[in-house]
Amino acid sequence: MMAVDQFQLAWRQTLEWLKDCDRSAWDGYEVGLLLQKAGIKFNWRLINRTLDTGEHEWQEAQQALLDKVVALGCPDSLAAAIRSIE
């Protein structure tokens, strides 16, 4: 699976989980912000891949998103999807 497909899958799974979980609106807002930041860093990393920059920023954003959804009790499949993004 291509990295873009992996990211889109994790994005969709995160949104579906947020719709179905019993977390507060504030938790959803925080996850949404982290998801948006991860998306920006991911896209920036893809754009700059030829320059070999953006990798560190992407990894930080990916880890922040992962830490938040795990702390909120996301399913293991969602955590695995986020971890699998290359």
C-alpha atoms as a PDB file:
ATOM      1  CA  MET A   1       0.000   0.000   0.000  1.00  0.00           C
ATOM      2  CA  MET A   2       1.334   3.438  -0.884  1.00  0.00           C
ATOM      3  CA  ALA A   3       1.999   5.943   1.895  1.00  0.00           C
ATOM      4  CA  VAL A   4      -0.806   8.198   0.679  1.00  0.00           C
ATOM      5  CA  ASP A   5      -3.265   5.310   0.821  1.00  0.00           C
ATOM      6  CA  GLN A   6      -2.046   4.425   4.311  1.00  0.00           C
ATOM      7  CA  PHE A   7      -2.550   7.993   5.474  1.00  0.00           C
ATOM      8  CA  GLN A   8      -6.011   8.257   3.945  1.00  0.00           C
ATOM      9  CA  LEU A   9      -7.031   4.970   5.573  1.00  0.00           C
ATOM     10  CA  ALA A  10      -5.829   6.157   8.985  1.00  0.00           C
ATOM     11  CA  TRP A  11      -7.592   9.508   8.447  1.00  0.00           C
ATOM     12  CA  ARG A  12     -10.904   7.805   7.637  1.00  0.00           C
ATOM     13  CA  GLN A  13     -10.568   5.355  10.540  1.00  0.00           C
ATOM     14  CA  THR A  14      -9.865   8.216  12.940  1.00  0.00           C
ATOM     15  CA  LEU A  15     -12.948  10.131  11.813  1.00  0.00           C
ATOM     16  CA  GLU A  16     -15.144   7.017  12.013  1.00  0.00           C
ATOM     17  CA  TRP A  17     -13.852   6.249  15.493  1.00  0.00           C
ATOM     18  CA  LEU A  18     -14.561   9.820  16.622  1.00  0.00           C
ATOM     19  CA  LYS A  19     -18.131   9.606  15.314  1.00  0.00           C
ATOM     20  CA  ASP A  20     -18.809   6.349  17.160  1.00  0.00           C
ATOM     21  CA  CYS A  21     -16.941   6.863  20.437  1.00  0.00           C
ATOM     22  CA  ASP A  22     -18.295   8.398  23.585  1.00  0.00           C
ATOM     23  CA  ARG A  23     -15.545  10.996  23.953  1.00  0.00           C
ATOM     24  CA  SER A  24     -16.333  14.647  24.617  1.00  0.00           C
ATOM     25  CA  ALA A  25     -16.559  17.228  21.866  1.00  0.00           C
ATOM     26  CA  TRP A  26     -13.366  18.759  23.232  1.00  0.00           C
ATOM     27  CA  ASP A  27     -11.503  15.455  22.829  1.00  0.00           C
ATOM     28  CA  GLY A  28     -12.778  15.260  19.261  1.00  0.00           C
ATOM     29  CA  TYR A  29     -11.627  18.811  18.628  1.00  0.00           C
ATOM     30  CA  GLU A  30      -8.137  18.056  19.963  1.00  0.00           C
ATOM     31  CA  VAL A  31      -7.859  14.900  17.863  1.00  0.00           C
ATOM     32  CA  GLY A  32      -9.109  16.846  14.843  1.00  0.00           C
ATOM     33  CA  LEU A  33      -6.410  19.470  15.308  1.00  0.00           C
ATOM     34  CA  LEU A  34      -3.721  16.808  15.607  1.00  0.00           C
ATOM     35  CA  LEU A  35      -5.113  15.012  12.567  1.00  0.00           C
ATOM     36  CA  GLN A  36      -5.029  18.239  10.579  1.00  0.00           C
ATOM     37  CA  LYS A  37      -1.458  18.983  11.689  1.00  0.00           C
ATOM     38  CA  ALA A  38      -0.390  15.447  10.804  1.00  0.00           C
ATOM     39  CA  GLY A  39      -1.987  15.867   7.369  1.00  0.00           C
ATOM     40  CA  ILE A  40      -0.115  19.090   6.725  1.00  0.00           C
ATOM     41  CA  LYS A  41       3.210  17.603   7.853  1.00  0.00           C
ATOM     42  CA  PHE A  42       2.562  14.443   5.835  1.00  0.00           C
ATOM     43  CA  ASN A  43       1.858  16.425   2.661  1.00  0.00           C
ATOM     44  CA  TRP A  44       4.854  18.667   3.259  1.00  0.00           C
ATOM     45  CA  ARG A  45       7.027  15.579   3.677  1.00  0.00           C
ATOM     46  CA  LEU A  46       5.768  14.182   0.359  1.00  0.00           C
ATOM     47  CA  ILE A  47       6.417  17.486  -1.418  1.00  0.00           C
ATOM     48  CA  ASN A  48       9.939  17.729  -0.023  1.00  0.00           C
ATOM     49  CA  ARG A  49      10.846  14.080  -0.309  1.00  0.00           C
ATOM     50  CA  THR A  50      13.356  14.896  -3.039  1.00  0.00           C
ATOM     51  CA  LEU A  51      15.039  17.371  -0.687  1.00  0.00           C
ATOM     52  CA  ASP A  52      15.067  14.849   2.179  1.00  0.00           C
ATOM     53  CA  THR A  53      13.418  17.304   4.577  1.00  0.00           C
ATOM     54  CA  GLY A  54      10.247  17.222   6.608  1.00  0.00           C
ATOM     55  CA  GLU A  55      10.736  13.680   7.921  1.00  0.00           C
ATOM     56  CA  HIS A  56      11.355  14.703  11.523  1.00  0.00           C
ATOM     57  CA  GLU A  57       8.354  17.060  11.610  1.00  0.00           C
ATOM     58  CA  TRP A  58       6.130  14.328  10.159  1.00  0.00           C
ATOM     59  CA  GLN A  59       7.292  11.798  12.733  1.00  0.00           C
ATOM     60  CA  GLU A  60       6.567  14.239  15.569  1.00  0.00           C
ATOM     61  CA  ALA A  61       3.065  14.963  14.239  1.00  0.00           C
ATOM     62  CA  GLN A  62       2.387  11.259  13.681  1.00  0.00           C
ATOM     63  CA  GLN A  63       3.506  10.423  17.227  1.00  0.00           C
ATOM     64  CA  ALA A  64       1.427  13.245  18.755  1.00  0.00           C
ATOM     65  CA  LEU A  65      -1.681  11.986  16.965  1.00  0.00           C
ATOM     66  CA  LEU A  66      -0.960   8.390  17.953  1.00  0.00           C
ATOM     67  CA  ASP A  67      -0.346   9.319  21.608  1.00  0.00           C
ATOM     68  CA  LYS A  68      -3.624  11.264  21.785  1.00  0.00           C
ATOM     69  CA  VAL A  69      -5.885   8.634  20.221  1.00  0.00           C
ATOM     70  CA  VAL A  70      -4.302   5.863  22.302  1.00  0.00           C
ATOM     71  CA  ALA A  71      -4.781   7.942  25.463  1.00  0.00           C
ATOM     72  CA  LEU A  72      -8.442   8.332  24.512  1.00  0.00           C
ATOM     73  CA  GLY A  73      -8.858   4.578  24.119  1.00  0.00           C
ATOM     74  CA  CYS A  74      -8.895   4.118  20.362  1.00  0.00           C
ATOM     75  CA  PRO A  75      -9.153   0.598  18.942  1.00  0.00           C
ATOM     76  CA  ASP A  76      -5.905  -1.242  18.291  1.00  0.00           C
ATOM     77  CA  SER A  77      -6.681  -1.277  14.565  1.00  0.00           C
ATOM     78  CA  LEU A  78      -6.670   2.524  14.471  1.00  0.00           C
ATOM     79  CA  ALA A  79      -3.375   2.744  16.360  1.00  0.00           C
ATOM     80  CA  ALA A  80      -1.888   0.172  13.966  1.00  0.00           C
ATOM     81  CA  ALA A  81      -3.128   2.139  10.954  1.00  0.00           C
ATOM     82  CA  ILE A  82      -1.489   5.320  12.217  1.00  0.00           C
ATOM     83  CA  ARG A  83       1.762   3.499  13.018  1.00  0.00           C
ATOM     84  CA  SER A  84       1.840   1.870   9.575  1.00  0.00           C
ATOM     85  CA  ILE A  85       2.049   5.147   7.646  1.00  0.00           C
ATOM     86  CA  GLU A  86       5.486   5.261   6.072  1.00  0.00           C
END
